[in-house]
Amino acid sequence: MIVVTGATGNVGRPLTQALAAAGEQVTAVSRHRGQVPDGVRHLSADLAEPALLAPALAGAKALFLLLSGNLHAPDARPTDIIDLAAASGVRRVVLLSSQGVATRPFGPSRVAMRGVEDALRNSGPDWAVLRPGGFASNALAWAESVRARGTVAAPFGDVGVPVVDPADIAAVAAACLLEDRHAGGVYELTGPQVITPRRQAQAIAAALGSPVRFHELTRDEAKAGMARFVPIELADDTLDIISAPNPAELRISPDVERVLGRAPASFDDWVARHVAAFR
């Protein structure tokens, strides 16, 4: 049995599908009930209460750990989940971490995530750590405004980073869960090219075949919007990166291709698969 947390999200959903297609028994964990593949067990649980995971982890061989927004808050204890997994006999844990752990090690949310990585390394089970940069799927936050007003609103319109397709993150996670050769691996996951928010809006417009206007937000406006969904420390750390990425954050990592044997998908590839969300 493999347990997938965040199983109905942009990474967890394709990961659950990939594991089920590989013939694995899977328990999908999310806060709210969502659609899962046939034969996959679903458990509703809030990871802020790790004890709720105990029924899923009993007898599990592996865990994919995705920390939701509230687990990045200063008073959260995500390492309790790792302790519970080890105590339950889980033999492998794959952690979805963040590129910023290496590129911005002193940001408050990055310090906390480094602590989670360190706890995992010392916990006993085999482990692998995935450190993605920005997600292509963050563009889904624009879907409503594109549908209603033909507008994308984002800060730092001409500053780009190599955003990664969550399906590629999921494929790498599946490999790390299923293949012994990835034990102890730390993988930085990016897309194949640096792309700005303004260029992302153009890609959406091209896929739709209709104009999309770009509206540039101030940092404060963007922070206020992000703070509705994630702790303020994480919002600030993220805005620091996307406003002025350093050379390490602009680097195109070879790790997706190294693990999967193919190049990572581009933002245009991602939009082509998700264009219906913007119609």
Protein backbone atom coordinates (compact mmCIF):
# COMPACT_ATOMS: atom_id res chain seq x y z
CA MET A 1 0.00 0.00 0.00
CA ILE A 2 1.23 3.50 -0.91
CA VAL A 3 -0.32 6.51 0.84
CA VAL A 4 -0.60 9.74 -1.14
CA THR A 5 -1.37 12.94 0.77
CA GLY A 6 -2.81 15.91 -1.08
CA ALA A 7 -4.22 13.26 -3.39
CA THR A 8 -6.87 15.40 -5.09
CA GLY A 9 -4.52 18.31 -5.90
CA ASN A 10 -2.45 19.18 -8.94
CA VAL A 11 0.39 16.82 -8.01
CA GLY A 12 -1.47 14.23 -5.96
CA ARG A 13 -4.13 13.51 -8.57
CA PRO A 14 -1.77 12.46 -11.40
CA LEU A 15 0.47 10.67 -8.89
CA THR A 16 -2.46 8.62 -7.59
CA GLN A 17 -3.45 7.79 -11.17
CA ALA A 18 0.12 6.75 -12.07
CA LEU A 19 0.48 4.48 -9.04
CA ALA A 20 -2.92 2.87 -9.61
CA ALA A 21 -2.04 2.33 -13.29
CA ALA A 22 1.18 0.62 -12.17
CA GLY A 23 -0.90 -1.88 -10.22
CA GLU A 24 -0.16 -0.51 -6.76
CA GLN A 25 -2.68 -0.43 -3.93
CA VAL A 26 -3.15 3.24 -3.07
CA THR A 27 -4.78 5.17 -0.25
CA ALA A 28 -5.59 8.72 -1.33
CA VAL A 29 -5.66 11.25 1.52
CA SER A 30 -7.15 14.73 1.27
CA ARG A 31 -9.11 17.09 3.46
CA HIS A 32 -12.15 16.89 1.24
CA ARG A 33 -13.59 14.03 -0.75
CA GLY A 34 -12.50 14.09 -4.37
CA GLN A 35 -12.59 11.83 -7.39
CA VAL A 36 -10.03 9.03 -7.26
CA PRO A 37 -9.34 6.18 -9.70
CA ASP A 38 -11.31 2.95 -9.42
CA GLY A 39 -9.87 0.67 -6.76
CA VAL A 40 -8.21 3.51 -4.82
CA ARG A 41 -9.25 3.94 -1.19
CA HIS A 42 -9.93 7.52 -0.04
CA LEU A 43 -9.43 8.87 3.46
CA SER A 44 -10.54 12.36 4.48
CA ALA A 45 -8.00 13.80 6.93
CA ASP A 46 -6.45 17.11 7.87
CA LEU A 47 -2.68 16.70 8.16
CA ALA A 48 -2.68 19.33 10.88
CA GLU A 49 -3.96 16.43 13.03
CA PRO A 50 -1.42 13.68 12.22
CA ALA A 51 -3.20 11.05 14.32
CA LEU A 52 -5.96 11.03 11.68
CA LEU A 53 -3.43 9.48 9.29
CA ALA A 54 -2.86 6.43 11.48
CA PRO A 55 -5.51 4.25 9.77
CA ALA A 56 -4.01 4.99 6.36
CA LEU A 57 -0.42 4.34 7.42
CA ALA A 58 -1.12 1.02 9.12
CA GLY A 59 0.43 -1.57 6.82
CA ALA A 60 1.61 0.99 4.25
CA LYS A 61 4.99 0.53 2.58
CA ALA A 62 5.45 4.08 1.29
CA LEU A 63 4.19 7.63 1.80
CA PHE A 64 4.12 10.67 -0.44
CA LEU A 65 4.09 13.69 1.85
CA LEU A 66 2.73 16.99 0.56
CA LEU A 67 2.39 19.68 3.22
CA SER A 68 -0.70 21.84 2.78
CA GLY A 69 -0.62 25.59 3.41
CA ASN A 70 -1.51 25.45 7.11
CA LEU A 71 1.39 23.08 7.74
CA HIS A 72 3.76 25.89 6.74
CA ALA A 73 2.55 28.07 9.62
CA PRO A 74 5.08 28.80 12.40
CA ASP A 75 3.22 26.72 15.00
CA ALA A 76 2.69 23.66 12.78
CA ARG A 77 4.36 20.33 13.55
CA PRO A 78 4.70 18.50 10.21
CA THR A 79 7.52 16.35 11.56
CA ASP A 80 4.89 14.55 13.65
CA ILE A 81 3.67 12.99 10.41
CA ILE A 82 7.13 11.65 9.66
CA ASP A 83 7.41 10.25 13.18
CA LEU A 84 4.04 8.54 12.80
CA ALA A 85 5.03 7.07 9.44
CA ALA A 86 8.24 5.63 10.87
CA ALA A 87 6.41 4.24 13.91
CA SER A 88 3.83 2.65 11.59
CA GLY A 89 6.52 0.73 9.69
CA VAL A 90 6.47 2.79 6.50
CA ARG A 91 9.65 1.90 4.62
CA ARG A 92 9.88 4.85 2.20
CA VAL A 93 8.84 8.51 2.34
CA VAL A 94 8.97 10.92 -0.59
CA LEU A 95 8.69 14.55 0.52
CA LEU A 96 7.50 17.39 -1.69
CA SER A 97 9.76 20.19 -0.50
CA SER A 98 10.70 23.47 -2.20
CA GLN A 99 13.51 24.77 -4.39
CA GLY A 100 13.83 27.65 -1.96
CA VAL A 101 15.29 25.37 0.71
CA ALA A 102 18.52 25.52 -1.30
CA THR A 103 18.20 28.86 -3.07
CA ARG A 104 16.77 30.96 -0.19
CA PRO A 105 17.77 29.00 2.90
CA PHE A 106 17.11 31.85 5.36
CA GLY A 107 13.50 32.62 4.41
CA PRO A 108 11.24 31.70 7.37
CA SER A 109 9.20 29.12 5.46
CA ARG A 110 12.39 27.66 3.94
CA VAL A 111 14.02 27.26 7.36
CA ALA A 112 10.94 25.34 8.49
CA MET A 113 10.98 23.12 5.40
CA ARG A 114 14.69 22.44 5.88
CA GLY A 115 13.76 21.19 9.35
CA VAL A 116 11.25 18.80 7.81
CA GLU A 117 13.86 17.53 5.34
CA ASP A 118 16.35 16.99 8.16
CA ALA A 119 13.76 15.14 10.24
CA LEU A 120 13.03 12.88 7.28
CA ARG A 121 16.71 12.06 6.76
CA ASN A 122 17.01 11.01 10.40
CA SER A 123 13.70 9.17 10.67
CA GLY A 124 14.72 5.67 9.61
CA PRO A 125 12.76 4.92 6.38
CA ASP A 126 14.29 5.32 2.94
CA TRP A 127 13.61 8.81 1.65
CA ALA A 128 13.72 11.08 -1.36
CA VAL A 129 13.19 14.84 -1.52
CA LEU A 130 11.64 16.72 -4.43
CA ARG A 131 12.37 20.45 -4.67
CA PRO A 132 10.23 22.01 -7.40
CA GLY A 133 10.30 25.64 -8.38
CA GLY A 134 7.14 27.50 -9.43
CA PHE A 135 4.19 25.39 -10.60
CA ALA A 136 2.65 25.86 -14.04
CA SER A 137 -0.70 25.13 -12.40
CA ASN A 138 -0.48 28.37 -10.41
CA ALA A 139 -1.93 29.86 -13.59
CA LEU A 140 -5.27 28.26 -12.65
CA ALA A 141 -5.66 31.14 -10.20
CA TRP A 142 -6.28 33.27 -13.30
CA ALA A 143 -8.95 31.01 -14.77
CA GLU A 144 -11.96 32.90 -13.42
CA SER A 145 -10.69 36.32 -14.52
CA VAL A 146 -9.79 34.96 -17.96
CA ARG A 147 -13.26 33.45 -18.37
CA ALA A 148 -15.09 36.52 -17.05
CA ARG A 149 -12.95 39.43 -18.27
CA GLY A 150 -10.24 38.09 -20.56
CA THR A 151 -7.63 39.26 -18.05
CA VAL A 152 -4.61 37.83 -16.24
CA ALA A 153 -3.57 39.79 -13.13
CA ALA A 154 -0.14 39.02 -11.63
CA PRO A 155 2.87 40.82 -10.17
CA PHE A 156 6.27 41.21 -11.82
CA GLY A 157 4.95 40.65 -15.33
CA ASP A 158 8.33 40.62 -17.06
CA VAL A 159 10.25 38.57 -14.49
CA GLY A 160 10.33 34.86 -15.31
CA VAL A 161 11.24 31.53 -13.72
CA PRO A 162 11.29 28.01 -15.21
CA VAL A 163 7.88 26.82 -13.96
CA VAL A 164 7.37 23.06 -13.82
CA ASP A 165 4.35 21.00 -14.88
CA PRO A 166 2.84 19.28 -11.81
CA ALA A 167 2.38 16.14 -13.92
CA ASP A 168 6.17 15.96 -14.19
CA ILE A 169 6.49 16.34 -10.42
CA ALA A 170 4.01 13.48 -10.04
CA ALA A 171 5.91 11.29 -12.49
CA VAL A 172 9.18 11.86 -10.62
CA ALA A 173 7.41 11.16 -7.32
CA ALA A 174 6.05 7.89 -8.69
CA ALA A 175 9.55 6.83 -9.75
CA CYS A 176 10.93 7.69 -6.31
CA LEU A 177 8.17 5.71 -4.58
CA LEU A 178 8.57 2.65 -6.78
CA GLU A 179 12.29 2.44 -7.61
CA ASP A 180 15.01 1.68 -5.06
CA ARG A 181 17.62 3.61 -7.05
CA HIS A 182 16.16 6.93 -5.95
CA ALA A 183 16.62 6.33 -2.22
CA GLY A 184 18.51 9.28 -0.75
CA GLY A 185 17.94 11.40 -3.85
CA VAL A 186 17.32 15.15 -3.78
CA TYR A 187 15.80 16.34 -7.04
CA GLU A 188 15.36 19.95 -8.17
CA LEU A 189 12.43 20.06 -10.59
CA THR A 190 11.95 22.82 -13.17
CA GLY A 191 10.44 23.25 -16.58
CA PRO A 192 12.53 23.54 -19.75
CA GLN A 193 12.54 27.33 -20.05
CA VAL A 194 12.21 30.58 -18.14
CA ILE A 195 8.78 32.09 -18.75
CA THR A 196 7.33 35.37 -17.49
CA PRO A 197 3.72 35.91 -16.34
CA ARG A 198 3.12 38.13 -19.38
CA ARG A 199 4.33 35.33 -21.66
CA GLN A 200 2.11 32.86 -19.79
CA ALA A 201 -0.88 35.10 -20.50
CA GLN A 202 0.08 35.08 -24.17
CA ALA A 203 0.27 31.27 -24.15
CA ILE A 204 -3.23 31.09 -22.67
CA ALA A 205 -4.51 33.52 -25.30
CA ALA A 206 -2.96 31.46 -28.09
CA ALA A 207 -4.52 28.27 -26.75
CA LEU A 208 -7.93 29.96 -26.47
CA GLY A 209 -7.69 31.69 -29.82
CA SER A 210 -8.85 34.93 -28.20
CA PRO A 211 -7.13 37.96 -26.62
CA VAL A 212 -6.07 37.95 -22.98
CA ARG A 213 -5.07 41.25 -21.38
CA PHE A 214 -2.27 41.35 -18.79
CA HIS A 215 -2.73 43.52 -15.69
CA GLU A 216 0.28 43.94 -13.41
CA LEU A 217 -0.39 43.79 -9.67
CA THR A 218 1.72 45.52 -7.05
CA ARG A 219 3.55 43.34 -4.57
CA ASP A 220 1.12 44.37 -1.83
CA GLU A 221 -1.87 43.44 -3.97
CA ALA A 222 -0.38 40.05 -4.78
CA LYS A 223 0.53 39.43 -1.14
CA ALA A 224 -3.01 40.20 0.00
CA GLY A 225 -4.37 37.69 -2.48
CA MET A 226 -1.90 34.96 -1.54
CA ALA A 227 -2.44 35.49 2.18
CA ARG A 228 -5.99 34.19 1.80
CA PHE A 229 -4.58 30.73 1.07
CA VAL A 230 -1.11 30.41 2.64
CA PRO A 231 0.69 31.72 5.74
CA ILE A 232 2.04 35.24 5.32
CA GLU A 233 5.64 34.00 5.72
CA LEU A 234 5.23 31.67 2.75
CA ALA A 235 3.64 34.44 0.69
CA ASP A 236 6.57 36.78 1.41
CA ASP A 237 9.17 34.10 0.64
CA THR A 238 7.46 33.26 -2.65
CA LEU A 239 7.18 36.91 -3.69
CA ASP A 240 10.87 37.41 -2.92
CA ILE A 241 11.69 34.70 -5.45
CA ILE A 242 9.36 35.69 -8.26
CA SER A 243 10.26 39.39 -7.98
CA ALA A 244 14.02 38.88 -8.25
CA PRO A 245 15.06 35.27 -8.93
CA ASN A 246 18.71 34.57 -8.31
CA PRO A 247 20.88 32.57 -10.72
CA ALA A 248 20.08 29.28 -8.98
CA GLU A 249 16.35 29.95 -9.39
CA LEU A 250 16.77 30.69 -13.10
CA ARG A 251 18.74 27.49 -13.71
CA ILE A 252 17.11 24.80 -15.85
CA SER A 253 17.56 21.63 -13.83
CA PRO A 254 18.32 18.33 -15.63
CA ASP A 255 16.65 16.28 -12.89
CA VAL A 256 13.25 15.67 -14.54
CA GLU A 257 14.99 14.28 -17.61
CA ARG A 258 17.49 12.39 -15.45
CA VAL A 259 14.69 10.54 -13.64
CA LEU A 260 12.13 10.17 -16.44
CA GLY A 261 14.36 9.84 -19.50
CA ARG A 262 12.56 12.69 -21.29
CA ALA A 263 12.54 16.46 -21.26
CA PRO A 264 10.14 18.25 -18.91
CA ALA A 265 6.90 19.60 -20.34
CA SER A 266 6.74 23.28 -21.26
CA PHE A 267 4.17 25.79 -20.02
CA ASP A 268 2.60 25.70 -23.49
CA ASP A 269 2.22 21.91 -23.11
CA TRP A 270 0.52 22.42 -19.76
CA VAL A 271 -1.87 25.04 -21.15
CA ALA A 272 -2.81 22.79 -24.06
CA ARG A 273 -3.96 20.11 -21.60
CA HIS A 274 -5.83 22.56 -19.33
CA VAL A 275 -7.25 25.11 -21.75
CA ALA A 276 -10.82 24.10 -20.86
CA ALA A 277 -10.35 25.69 -17.43
CA PHE A 278 -9.94 29.09 -19.11
CA ARG A 279 -12.90 28.89 -21.50
